[in-house]
Amino acid sequence: MELRHLRYFIAVAEQQSFTRAAEKLFIAQPPLSRQIQQLEEELGVTLFERGTRPLKMTEAGQFFYAHAQQLLAKAADLKAMTQRISHVEHDLSIGFVSSTLYGLLPQVIYRWRQANPNVNISLHEMTTMEQIIALKEGRIDAGFGRLRMEDPLVRRIVLRHEKLMVTFPPNHRLAHSTEALSLIDLVDEKLIIFPKHPRPSFADQVLSIFADHAIKPQQLIEVRELQVALGLVAAGEGISIVPNTLYGMLRKDILFREIKDLNAVSPIILSMRQMDESEPLKKLLTIITELYSEFNVENQLEGYTGG
């Protein structure tokens, strides 16, 4: 069974006609019919109910169709990823979610440029979901995200867990308290989450933390990005939950408070293509590992509890 057999079968299944499928594939109908017959003989099953108009798949055909689509998609991903690896030596491309810019990512990029001045590096803001797609399409070589998304073609490394904090304006009712807040303290507040699209995203991660405590925020405001959320918080439109790396921001119109619930954390996850052993990526991983190790040790010495 070859990939062309899968392409031919999918074309017939989607067009529901040998004639229309042949036209779409730019081949004559008799050779197409023979290819499908050969595929059925190899599988030992009948894939189509001949004589029906429009042409229908058998139960076995429907099963095969679903898996044939996945196989072709994986083949296309493999082609794109393999082609991309040949360019990594001269051009490294990294995707990131915006909140990681407040953490160690800028230092990672700085150290990389210092150690590898002859390799171009480009940065692309994108959600974790977009990073996974871009990795498989060969548009980026590594991604810094926050969501745990499973894909057999992508390798994930959790670099650290960041504690989450709640932000609110200085005149808020909670402003007088300096103690860590519980999620139950926030349930009646207007909760500003981001990004609005695409989903799932950090917004869903925040909502899931509430759900883990059987709590549901009563009012939600969905916005495009982090900076919009912070702007609305400063304007008194609501509160927002953000990673604690934003705590050092020099803003006088926003207050930060810790959240004491233990699972109120957000991971920083490095994603790369599975089995991509290209030298630039090995060097990048070394820099990342060293930098995050230094950061964790330093903050442990200072009594840091952010994870």
C-alpha atoms as a PDB file:
ATOM      1  CA  MET A   1       0.000   0.000   0.000  1.00  0.00           C
ATOM      2  CA  GLU A   2       1.470   3.330  -1.091  1.00  0.00           C
ATOM      3  CA  LEU A   3       0.587   6.936  -0.302  1.00  0.00           C
ATOM      4  CA  ARG A   4      -0.946   7.363  -3.762  1.00  0.00           C
ATOM      5  CA  HIS A   5      -3.453   4.661  -2.910  1.00  0.00           C
ATOM      6  CA  LEU A   6      -4.531   6.681   0.103  1.00  0.00           C
ATOM      7  CA  ARG A   7      -4.815   9.862  -1.956  1.00  0.00           C
ATOM      8  CA  TYR A   8      -6.870   8.112  -4.613  1.00  0.00           C
ATOM      9  CA  PHE A   9      -9.154   6.510  -2.039  1.00  0.00           C
ATOM     10  CA  ILE A  10      -9.750   9.800  -0.196  1.00  0.00           C
ATOM     11  CA  ALA A  11     -10.542  11.592  -3.468  1.00  0.00           C
ATOM     12  CA  VAL A  12     -13.172   8.978  -4.396  1.00  0.00           C
ATOM     13  CA  ALA A  13     -14.625   9.028  -0.874  1.00  0.00           C
ATOM     14  CA  GLU A  14     -14.918  12.805  -0.801  1.00  0.00           C
ATOM     15  CA  GLN A  15     -16.194  13.226  -4.360  1.00  0.00           C
ATOM     16  CA  GLN A  16     -18.546  10.231  -3.971  1.00  0.00           C
ATOM     17  CA  SER A  17     -17.849   9.432  -7.601  1.00  0.00           C
ATOM     18  CA  PHE A  18     -15.050   7.740  -9.549  1.00  0.00           C
ATOM     19  CA  THR A  19     -15.612  10.138 -12.447  1.00  0.00           C
ATOM     20  CA  ARG A  20     -15.352  13.333 -10.402  1.00  0.00           C
ATOM     21  CA  ALA A  21     -12.410  11.947  -8.406  1.00  0.00           C
ATOM     22  CA  ALA A  22     -10.543  11.119 -11.625  1.00  0.00           C
ATOM     23  CA  GLU A  23     -11.102  14.661 -12.875  1.00  0.00           C
ATOM     24  CA  LYS A  24      -9.822  16.111  -9.587  1.00  0.00           C
ATOM     25  CA  LEU A  25      -6.728  13.870  -9.701  1.00  0.00           C
ATOM     26  CA  PHE A  26      -6.135  14.564 -13.415  1.00  0.00           C
ATOM     27  CA  ILE A  27      -6.081  10.877 -14.310  1.00  0.00           C
ATOM     28  CA  ALA A  28      -8.369   8.646 -16.371  1.00  0.00           C
ATOM     29  CA  GLN A  29     -11.150   6.809 -14.593  1.00  0.00           C
ATOM     30  CA  PRO A  30     -10.149   3.190 -15.491  1.00  0.00           C
ATOM     31  CA  PRO A  31      -6.670   3.442 -13.875  1.00  0.00           C
ATOM     32  CA  LEU A  32      -8.253   5.011 -10.807  1.00  0.00           C
ATOM     33  CA  SER A  33     -10.775   2.188 -10.519  1.00  0.00           C
ATOM     34  CA  ARG A  34      -7.977  -0.377 -10.822  1.00  0.00           C
ATOM     35  CA  GLN A  35      -5.969   1.337  -8.061  1.00  0.00           C
ATOM     36  CA  ILE A  36      -8.975   1.216  -5.714  1.00  0.00           C
ATOM     37  CA  GLN A  37      -9.586  -2.450  -6.578  1.00  0.00           C
ATOM     38  CA  GLN A  38      -5.931  -3.248  -5.842  1.00  0.00           C
ATOM     39  CA  LEU A  39      -6.241  -1.464  -2.501  1.00  0.00           C
ATOM     40  CA  GLU A  40      -9.359  -3.457  -1.624  1.00  0.00           C
ATOM     41  CA  GLU A  41      -7.630  -6.712  -2.592  1.00  0.00           C
ATOM     42  CA  GLU A  42      -4.632  -5.873  -0.434  1.00  0.00           C
ATOM     43  CA  LEU A  43      -6.848  -5.002   2.526  1.00  0.00           C
ATOM     44  CA  GLY A  44      -9.199  -7.920   1.933  1.00  0.00           C
ATOM     45  CA  VAL A  45     -12.288  -5.710   2.343  1.00  0.00           C
ATOM     46  CA  THR A  46     -14.755  -3.794   0.183  1.00  0.00           C
ATOM     47  CA  LEU A  47     -14.395  -0.054   0.655  1.00  0.00           C
ATOM     48  CA  PHE A  48     -17.277   1.210  -1.506  1.00  0.00           C
ATOM     49  CA  GLU A  49     -20.829   0.069  -2.157  1.00  0.00           C
ATOM     50  CA  ARG A  50     -20.833  -0.153  -5.952  1.00  0.00           C
ATOM     51  CA  GLY A  51     -24.034   0.750  -7.758  1.00  0.00           C
ATOM     52  CA  THR A  52     -25.114   3.451  -5.280  1.00  0.00           C
ATOM     53  CA  ARG A  53     -25.626   7.054  -6.371  1.00  0.00           C
ATOM     54  CA  PRO A  54     -23.876   8.932  -4.895  1.00  0.00           C
ATOM     55  CA  LEU A  55     -21.154   6.413  -4.192  1.00  0.00           C
ATOM     56  CA  LYS A  56     -21.122   5.391  -0.514  1.00  0.00           C
ATOM     57  CA  MET A  57     -18.422   3.887   1.653  1.00  0.00           C
ATOM     58  CA  THR A  58     -18.907   0.626   3.488  1.00  0.00           C
ATOM     59  CA  GLU A  59     -18.392   0.514   7.248  1.00  0.00           C
ATOM     60  CA  ALA A  60     -14.838  -0.688   6.631  1.00  0.00           C
ATOM     61  CA  GLY A  61     -14.404   2.157   4.149  1.00  0.00           C
ATOM     62  CA  GLN A  62     -15.454   4.751   6.718  1.00  0.00           C
ATOM     63  CA  PHE A  63     -12.972   3.343   9.211  1.00  0.00           C
ATOM     64  CA  PHE A  64     -10.195   3.324   6.616  1.00  0.00           C
ATOM     65  CA  TYR A  65     -11.080   6.876   5.493  1.00  0.00           C
ATOM     66  CA  ALA A  66     -10.567   8.346   8.967  1.00  0.00           C
ATOM     67  CA  HIS A  67      -7.167   6.709   9.381  1.00  0.00           C
ATOM     68  CA  ALA A  68      -6.083   7.406   5.782  1.00  0.00           C
ATOM     69  CA  GLN A  69      -6.604  11.120   6.392  1.00  0.00           C
ATOM     70  CA  GLN A  70      -4.408  10.974   9.491  1.00  0.00           C
ATOM     71  CA  LEU A  71      -1.669   9.067   7.670  1.00  0.00           C
ATOM     72  CA  LEU A  72      -1.579  11.556   4.805  1.00  0.00           C
ATOM     73  CA  ALA A  73      -1.517  14.469   7.248  1.00  0.00           C
ATOM     74  CA  LYS A  74       1.413  12.889   9.119  1.00  0.00           C
ATOM     75  CA  ALA A  75       3.228  12.278   5.837  1.00  0.00           C
ATOM     76  CA  ALA A  76       2.804  15.941   4.909  1.00  0.00           C
ATOM     77  CA  ASP A  77       4.034  17.006   8.359  1.00  0.00           C
ATOM     78  CA  LEU A  78       7.054  14.721   8.068  1.00  0.00           C
ATOM     79  CA  LYS A  79       7.955  16.198   4.683  1.00  0.00           C
ATOM     80  CA  ALA A  80       7.701  19.775   5.954  1.00  0.00           C
ATOM     81  CA  MET A  81       9.670  19.044   9.136  1.00  0.00           C
ATOM     82  CA  THR A  82      12.444  17.226   7.270  1.00  0.00           C
ATOM     83  CA  GLN A  83      12.792  20.093   4.796  1.00  0.00           C
ATOM     84  CA  ARG A  84      12.946  22.608   7.645  1.00  0.00           C
ATOM     85  CA  ILE A  85      15.755  20.809   9.477  1.00  0.00           C
ATOM     86  CA  SER A  86      18.102  21.458   6.557  1.00  0.00           C
ATOM     87  CA  HIS A  87      17.727  25.223   7.144  1.00  0.00           C
ATOM     88  CA  VAL A  88      18.131  25.298  10.947  1.00  0.00           C
ATOM     89  CA  GLU A  89      21.914  25.528  10.701  1.00  0.00           C
ATOM     90  CA  HIS A  90      21.622  29.056   9.265  1.00  0.00           C
ATOM     91  CA  ASP A  91      18.225  30.266  10.462  1.00  0.00           C
ATOM     92  CA  LEU A  92      16.651  29.404  13.827  1.00  0.00           C
ATOM     93  CA  SER A  93      12.968  30.318  14.249  1.00  0.00           C
ATOM     94  CA  ILE A  94      11.264  30.468  17.667  1.00  0.00           C
ATOM     95  CA  GLY A  95       7.616  30.845  18.611  1.00  0.00           C
ATOM     96  CA  PHE A  96       6.496  32.238  21.968  1.00  0.00           C
ATOM     97  CA  VAL A  97       3.426  33.255  23.927  1.00  0.00           C
ATOM     98  CA  SER A  98       3.610  36.924  24.912  1.00  0.00           C
ATOM     99  CA  SER A  99       3.768  36.351  28.677  1.00  0.00           C
ATOM    100  CA  THR A 100       7.093  34.476  28.371  1.00  0.00           C
ATOM    101  CA  LEU A 101       8.766  37.769  27.367  1.00  0.00           C
ATOM    102  CA  TYR A 102       8.446  38.811  31.016  1.00  0.00           C
ATOM    103  CA  GLY A 103      10.384  35.722  32.110  1.00  0.00           C
ATOM    104  CA  LEU A 104      13.659  34.220  30.946  1.00  0.00           C
ATOM    105  CA  LEU A 105      13.050  34.119  27.191  1.00  0.00           C
ATOM    106  CA  PRO A 106      14.825  37.453  26.496  1.00  0.00           C
ATOM    107  CA  GLN A 107      17.908  36.161  28.345  1.00  0.00           C
ATOM    108  CA  VAL A 108      17.760  32.897  26.390  1.00  0.00           C
ATOM    109  CA  ILE A 109      17.761  34.828  23.107  1.00  0.00           C
ATOM    110  CA  TYR A 110      20.539  37.162  24.287  1.00  0.00           C
ATOM    111  CA  ARG A 111      22.802  34.277  25.291  1.00  0.00           C
ATOM    112  CA  TRP A 112      22.073  32.518  22.011  1.00  0.00           C
ATOM    113  CA  ARG A 113      23.050  35.587  19.969  1.00  0.00           C
ATOM    114  CA  GLN A 114      26.248  35.989  21.964  1.00  0.00           C
ATOM    115  CA  ALA A 115      27.249  32.351  21.453  1.00  0.00           C
ATOM    116  CA  ASN A 116      26.054  31.995  17.848  1.00  0.00           C
ATOM    117  CA  PRO A 117      26.495  35.335  16.045  1.00  0.00           C
ATOM    118  CA  ASN A 118      26.515  33.693  12.598  1.00  0.00           C
ATOM    119  CA  VAL A 119      23.095  32.054  12.928  1.00  0.00           C
ATOM    120  CA  ASN A 120      20.025  34.194  12.233  1.00  0.00           C
ATOM    121  CA  ILE A 121      17.274  33.937  14.830  1.00  0.00           C
ATOM    122  CA  SER A 122      13.698  35.106  14.346  1.00  0.00           C
ATOM    123  CA  LEU A 123      10.899  35.392  16.930  1.00  0.00           C
ATOM    124  CA  HIS A 124       7.188  34.896  16.284  1.00  0.00           C
ATOM    125  CA  GLU A 125       4.406  35.564  18.778  1.00  0.00           C
ATOM    126  CA  MET A 126       1.856  32.727  18.663  1.00  0.00           C
ATOM    127  CA  THR A 127      -0.285  30.683  20.997  1.00  0.00           C
ATOM    128  CA  THR A 128       0.773  27.219  22.117  1.00  0.00           C
ATOM    129  CA  MET A 129      -1.662  25.634  19.657  1.00  0.00           C
ATOM    130  CA  GLU A 130      -0.260  27.730  16.815  1.00  0.00           C
ATOM    131  CA  GLN A 131       3.260  26.718  17.836  1.00  0.00           C
ATOM    132  CA  ILE A 132       2.444  23.010  17.545  1.00  0.00           C
ATOM    133  CA  ILE A 133       1.053  23.546  14.041  1.00  0.00           C
ATOM    134  CA  ALA A 134       4.015  25.723  13.039  1.00  0.00           C
ATOM    135  CA  LEU A 135       6.502  23.104  14.284  1.00  0.00           C
ATOM    136  CA  LYS A 136       4.895  20.426  12.135  1.00  0.00           C
ATOM    137  CA  GLU A 137       4.669  22.732   9.119  1.00  0.00           C
ATOM    138  CA  GLY A 138       8.361  23.629   9.442  1.00  0.00           C
ATOM    139  CA  ARG A 139       7.759  27.330  10.139  1.00  0.00           C
ATOM    140  CA  ILE A 140       9.438  27.358  13.564  1.00  0.00           C
ATOM    141  CA  ASP A 141      12.038  25.164  15.273  1.00  0.00           C
ATOM    142  CA  ALA A 142      11.137  25.644  18.936  1.00  0.00           C
ATOM    143  CA  GLY A 143       8.259  27.111  20.889  1.00  0.00           C
ATOM    144  CA  PHE A 144       7.752  28.549  24.380  1.00  0.00           C
ATOM    145  CA  GLY A 145       4.164  27.968  25.458  1.00  0.00           C
ATOM    146  CA  ARG A 146       1.990  27.213  28.463  1.00  0.00           C
ATOM    147  CA  LEU A 147      -0.513  24.527  27.466  1.00  0.00           C
ATOM    148  CA  ARG A 148       0.096  20.777  27.676  1.00  0.00           C
ATOM    149  CA  MET A 149      -0.815  19.715  24.156  1.00  0.00           C
ATOM    150  CA  GLU A 150      -0.131  16.122  23.176  1.00  0.00           C
ATOM    151  CA  ASP A 151       1.157  15.338  19.688  1.00  0.00           C
ATOM    152  CA  PRO A 152       3.305  12.323  18.740  1.00  0.00           C
ATOM    153  CA  LEU A 153       5.417  14.491  16.435  1.00  0.00           C
ATOM    154  CA  VAL A 154       6.247  17.076  19.090  1.00  0.00           C
ATOM    155  CA  ARG A 155       8.536  16.781  22.111  1.00  0.00           C
ATOM    156  CA  ARG A 156       7.596  18.744  25.242  1.00  0.00           C
ATOM    157  CA  ILE A 157       9.863  19.820  28.111  1.00  0.00           C
ATOM    158  CA  VAL A 158       8.407  21.548  31.183  1.00  0.00           C
ATOM    159  CA  LEU A 159      10.986  24.183  32.157  1.00  0.00           C
ATOM    160  CA  ARG A 160       9.281  25.414  35.320  1.00  0.00           C
ATOM    161  CA  HIS A 161       5.922  26.168  36.925  1.00  0.00           C
ATOM    162  CA  GLU A 162       5.088  29.810  37.534  1.00  0.00           C
ATOM    163  CA  LYS A 163       2.780  30.842  40.339  1.00  0.00           C
ATOM    164  CA  LEU A 164      -0.197  32.868  39.203  1.00  0.00           C
ATOM    165  CA  MET A 165      -1.117  36.238  40.668  1.00  0.00           C
ATOM    166  CA  VAL A 166      -4.266  38.327  40.631  1.00  0.00           C
ATOM    167  CA  THR A 167      -4.111  41.929  39.385  1.00  0.00           C
ATOM    168  CA  PHE A 168      -6.530  44.712  40.284  1.00  0.00           C
ATOM    169  CA  PRO A 169      -6.579  48.538  40.396  1.00  0.00           C
ATOM    170  CA  PRO A 170      -5.330  50.388  43.532  1.00  0.00           C
ATOM    171  CA  ASN A 171      -8.846  51.447  44.600  1.00  0.00           C
ATOM    172  CA  HIS A 172     -10.210  47.899  44.523  1.00  0.00           C
ATOM    173  CA  ARG A 173     -11.919  46.478  47.612  1.00  0.00           C
ATOM    174  CA  LEU A 174      -9.086  43.949  48.008  1.00  0.00           C
ATOM    175  CA  ALA A 175      -6.369  46.599  47.854  1.00  0.00           C
ATOM    176  CA  HIS A 176      -6.141  47.000  51.624  1.00  0.00           C
ATOM    177  CA  SER A 177      -5.042  43.387  52.101  1.00  0.00           C
ATOM    178  CA  THR A 178      -1.444  42.292  51.643  1.00  0.00           C
ATOM    179  CA  GLU A 179      -2.153  38.607  52.199  1.00  0.00           C
ATOM    180  CA  ALA A 180      -2.382  35.977  49.506  1.00  0.00           C
ATOM    181  CA  LEU A 181      -5.886  35.613  48.103  1.00  0.00           C
ATOM    182  CA  SER A 182      -7.948  32.496  47.580  1.00  0.00           C
ATOM    183  CA  LEU A 183      -9.832  31.764  44.379  1.00  0.00           C
ATOM    184  CA  ILE A 184     -13.084  31.902  46.326  1.00  0.00           C
ATOM    185  CA  ASP A 185     -12.293  35.561  47.115  1.00  0.00           C
ATOM    186  CA  LEU A 186     -12.425  36.296  43.382  1.00  0.00           C
ATOM    187  CA  VAL A 187     -15.558  34.444  42.326  1.00  0.00           C
ATOM    188  CA  ASP A 188     -17.834  37.529  42.313  1.00  0.00           C
ATOM    189  CA  GLU A 189     -15.369  39.733  40.439  1.00  0.00           C
ATOM    190  CA  LYS A 190     -15.381  40.530  36.735  1.00  0.00           C
ATOM    191  CA  LEU A 191     -12.618  38.240  35.522  1.00  0.00           C
ATOM    192  CA  ILE A 192     -10.722  39.398  32.431  1.00  0.00           C
ATOM    193  CA  ILE A 193      -9.217  36.441  30.550  1.00  0.00           C
ATOM    194  CA  PHE A 194      -6.951  36.289  27.501  1.00  0.00           C
ATOM    195  CA  PRO A 195      -6.486  35.511  24.698  1.00  0.00           C
ATOM    196  CA  LYS A 196      -9.990  35.403  23.279  1.00  0.00           C
ATOM    197  CA  HIS A 197      -8.922  33.445  20.198  1.00  0.00           C
ATOM    198  CA  PRO A 198      -7.749  30.859  19.291  1.00  0.00           C
ATOM    199  CA  ARG A 199      -8.741  28.394  21.971  1.00  0.00           C
ATOM    200  CA  PRO A 200      -7.706  26.450  23.981  1.00  0.00           C
ATOM    201  CA  SER A 201      -5.321  28.983  25.477  1.00  0.00           C
ATOM    202  CA  PHE A 202      -4.095  30.504  28.738  1.00  0.00           C
ATOM    203  CA  ALA A 203      -7.682  31.651  29.275  1.00  0.00           C
ATOM    204  CA  ASP A 204      -8.834  28.036  29.500  1.00  0.00           C
ATOM    205  CA  GLN A 205      -5.939  27.234  31.811  1.00  0.00           C
ATOM    206  CA  VAL A 206      -7.138  29.909  34.239  1.00  0.00           C
ATOM    207  CA  LEU A 207     -10.752  28.743  34.034  1.00  0.00           C
ATOM    208  CA  SER A 208      -9.703  25.137  34.642  1.00  0.00           C
ATOM    209  CA  ILE A 209      -8.011  26.141  37.902  1.00  0.00           C
ATOM    210  CA  PHE A 210     -11.312  27.568  39.124  1.00  0.00           C
ATOM    211  CA  ALA A 211     -13.122  24.440  37.925  1.00  0.00           C
ATOM    212  CA  ASP A 212     -10.696  22.234  39.887  1.00  0.00           C
ATOM    213  CA  HIS A 213     -12.055  23.913  43.014  1.00  0.00           C
ATOM    214  CA  ALA A 214     -15.683  23.595  41.880  1.00  0.00           C
ATOM    215  CA  ILE A 215     -15.779  27.380  41.463  1.00  0.00           C
ATOM    216  CA  LYS A 216     -17.150  29.247  38.464  1.00  0.00           C
ATOM    217  CA  PRO A 217     -16.453  32.975  37.964  1.00  0.00           C
ATOM    218  CA  GLN A 218     -19.758  34.806  37.668  1.00  0.00           C
ATOM    219  CA  GLN A 219     -18.649  37.391  35.097  1.00  0.00           C
ATOM    220  CA  LEU A 220     -16.134  36.949  32.297  1.00  0.00           C
ATOM    221  CA  ILE A 221     -14.597  39.461  29.916  1.00  0.00           C
ATOM    222  CA  GLU A 222     -12.579  37.932  27.060  1.00  0.00           C
ATOM    223  CA  VAL A 223      -9.914  40.054  25.347  1.00  0.00           C
ATOM    224  CA  ARG A 224      -7.333  39.517  22.628  1.00  0.00           C
ATOM    225  CA  GLU A 225      -4.102  39.746  24.577  1.00  0.00           C
ATOM    226  CA  LEU A 226      -2.295  40.323  27.858  1.00  0.00           C
ATOM    227  CA  GLN A 227      -1.718  44.067  27.437  1.00  0.00           C
ATOM    228  CA  VAL A 228      -5.394  44.685  26.735  1.00  0.00           C
ATOM    229  CA  ALA A 229      -6.299  42.763  29.899  1.00  0.00           C
ATOM    230  CA  LEU A 230      -3.889  44.840  31.993  1.00  0.00           C
ATOM    231  CA  GLY A 231      -5.212  48.050  30.470  1.00  0.00           C
ATOM    232  CA  LEU A 232      -8.770  47.122  31.423  1.00  0.00           C
ATOM    233  CA  VAL A 233      -7.652  46.197  34.945  1.00  0.00           C
ATOM    234  CA  ALA A 234      -6.016  49.625  35.310  1.00  0.00           C
ATOM    235  CA  ALA A 235      -9.259  51.206  34.085  1.00  0.00           C
ATOM    236  CA  GLY A 236     -11.191  49.438  36.824  1.00  0.00           C
ATOM    237  CA  GLU A 237     -13.105  47.142  34.481  1.00  0.00           C
ATOM    238  CA  GLY A 238     -12.238  43.992  36.408  1.00  0.00           C
ATOM    239  CA  ILE A 239      -9.424  41.783  37.649  1.00  0.00           C
ATOM    240  CA  SER A 240      -7.123  39.428  35.775  1.00  0.00           C
ATOM    241  CA  ILE A 241      -4.924  36.456  36.618  1.00  0.00           C
ATOM    242  CA  VAL A 242      -1.396  36.504  35.235  1.00  0.00           C
ATOM    243  CA  PRO A 243       1.958  34.695  35.692  1.00  0.00           C
ATOM    244  CA  ASN A 244       4.045  36.097  38.537  1.00  0.00           C
ATOM    245  CA  THR A 245       6.868  37.077  36.167  1.00  0.00           C
ATOM    246  CA  LEU A 246       4.798  40.204  35.464  1.00  0.00           C
ATOM    247  CA  TYR A 247       5.167  41.291  39.103  1.00  0.00           C
ATOM    248  CA  GLY A 248       8.242  43.351  38.320  1.00  0.00           C
ATOM    249  CA  MET A 249       6.402  45.584  35.855  1.00  0.00           C
ATOM    250  CA  LEU A 250       6.779  49.260  36.681  1.00  0.00           C
ATOM    251  CA  ARG A 251       3.082  50.175  36.732  1.00  0.00           C
ATOM    252  CA  LYS A 252       1.527  52.254  39.476  1.00  0.00           C
ATOM    253  CA  ASP A 253      -2.023  51.706  38.245  1.00  0.00           C
ATOM    254  CA  ILE A 254      -2.067  47.946  38.924  1.00  0.00           C
ATOM    255  CA  LEU A 255      -1.604  45.954  42.129  1.00  0.00           C
ATOM    256  CA  PHE A 256      -0.473  42.323  42.324  1.00  0.00           C
ATOM    257  CA  ARG A 257      -1.452  39.779  44.970  1.00  0.00           C
ATOM    258  CA  GLU A 258      -0.395  36.170  45.324  1.00  0.00           C
ATOM    259  CA  ILE A 259      -2.937  33.364  45.015  1.00  0.00           C
ATOM    260  CA  LYS A 260      -2.547  30.830  47.813  1.00  0.00           C
ATOM    261  CA  ASP A 261      -4.234  27.884  46.097  1.00  0.00           C
ATOM    262  CA  LEU A 262      -1.466  25.364  45.367  1.00  0.00           C
ATOM    263  CA  ASN A 263      -2.585  24.476  41.842  1.00  0.00           C
ATOM    264  CA  ALA A 264      -2.719  28.124  40.744  1.00  0.00           C
ATOM    265  CA  VAL A 265       0.340  27.700  38.538  1.00  0.00           C
ATOM    266  CA  SER A 266       1.132  27.911  34.856  1.00  0.00           C
ATOM    267  CA  PRO A 267       3.946  25.865  33.278  1.00  0.00           C
ATOM    268  CA  ILE A 268       6.519  27.155  30.828  1.00  0.00           C
ATOM    269  CA  ILE A 269       6.802  24.421  28.196  1.00  0.00           C
ATOM    270  CA  LEU A 270       9.444  24.141  25.509  1.00  0.00           C
ATOM    271  CA  SER A 271       8.215  22.338  22.388  1.00  0.00           C
ATOM    272  CA  MET A 272      10.410  20.942  19.615  1.00  0.00           C
ATOM    273  CA  ARG A 273      10.039  18.432  16.816  1.00  0.00           C
ATOM    274  CA  GLN A 274      10.296  14.869  18.018  1.00  0.00           C
ATOM    275  CA  MET A 275      13.731  13.383  17.240  1.00  0.00           C
ATOM    276  CA  ASP A 276      15.101  16.653  15.845  1.00  0.00           C
ATOM    277  CA  GLU A 277      18.788  16.325  16.714  1.00  0.00           C
ATOM    278  CA  SER A 278      20.080  19.288  14.696  1.00  0.00           C
ATOM    279  CA  GLU A 279      23.103  20.970  16.247  1.00  0.00           C
ATOM    280  CA  PRO A 280      21.588  24.479  16.683  1.00  0.00           C
ATOM    281  CA  LEU A 281      18.688  23.026  18.637  1.00  0.00           C
ATOM    282  CA  LYS A 282      21.072  21.080  20.867  1.00  0.00           C
ATOM    283  CA  LYS A 283      22.914  24.330  21.612  1.00  0.00           C
ATOM    284  CA  LEU A 284      19.644  26.147  22.279  1.00  0.00           C
ATOM    285  CA  LEU A 285      18.515  23.426  24.675  1.00  0.00           C
ATOM    286  CA  THR A 286      21.834  23.638  26.534  1.00  0.00           C
ATOM    287  CA  ILE A 287      21.451  27.405  26.988  1.00  0.00           C
ATOM    288  CA  ILE A 288      17.848  27.021  28.156  1.00  0.00           C
ATOM    289  CA  THR A 289      18.711  24.264  30.627  1.00  0.00           C
ATOM    290  CA  GLU A 290      21.622  26.200  32.115  1.00  0.00           C
ATOM    291  CA  LEU A 291      19.671  29.451  32.400  1.00  0.00           C
ATOM    292  CA  TYR A 292      16.602  27.919  34.021  1.00  0.00           C
ATOM    293  CA  SER A 293      18.801  25.934  36.415  1.00  0.00           C
ATOM    294  CA  GLU A 294      20.581  29.140  37.464  1.00  0.00           C
ATOM    295  CA  PHE A 295      17.263  30.932  37.918  1.00  0.00           C
ATOM    296  CA  ASN A 296      15.750  28.190  40.056  1.00  0.00           C
ATOM    297  CA  VAL A 297      18.838  27.929  42.274  1.00  0.00           C
ATOM    298  CA  GLU A 298      19.035  31.702  42.783  1.00  0.00           C
ATOM    299  CA  ASN A 299      15.390  31.972  43.787  1.00  0.00           C
ATOM    300  CA  GLN A 300      15.550  28.953  46.063  1.00  0.00           C
ATOM    301  CA  LEU A 301      18.379  30.716  47.932  1.00  0.00           C
ATOM    302  CA  GLU A 302      16.154  33.776  48.246  1.00  0.00           C
ATOM    303  CA  GLY A 303      13.240  31.733  49.577  1.00  0.00           C
ATOM    304  CA  TYR A 304      11.344  31.856  46.299  1.00  0.00           C
ATOM    305  CA  THR A 305       8.165  29.728  46.229  1.00  0.00           C
ATOM    306  CA  GLY A 306       7.028  30.305  42.676  1.00  0.00           C
ATOM    307  CA  GLY A 307       7.839  26.764  41.480  1.00  0.00           C
END
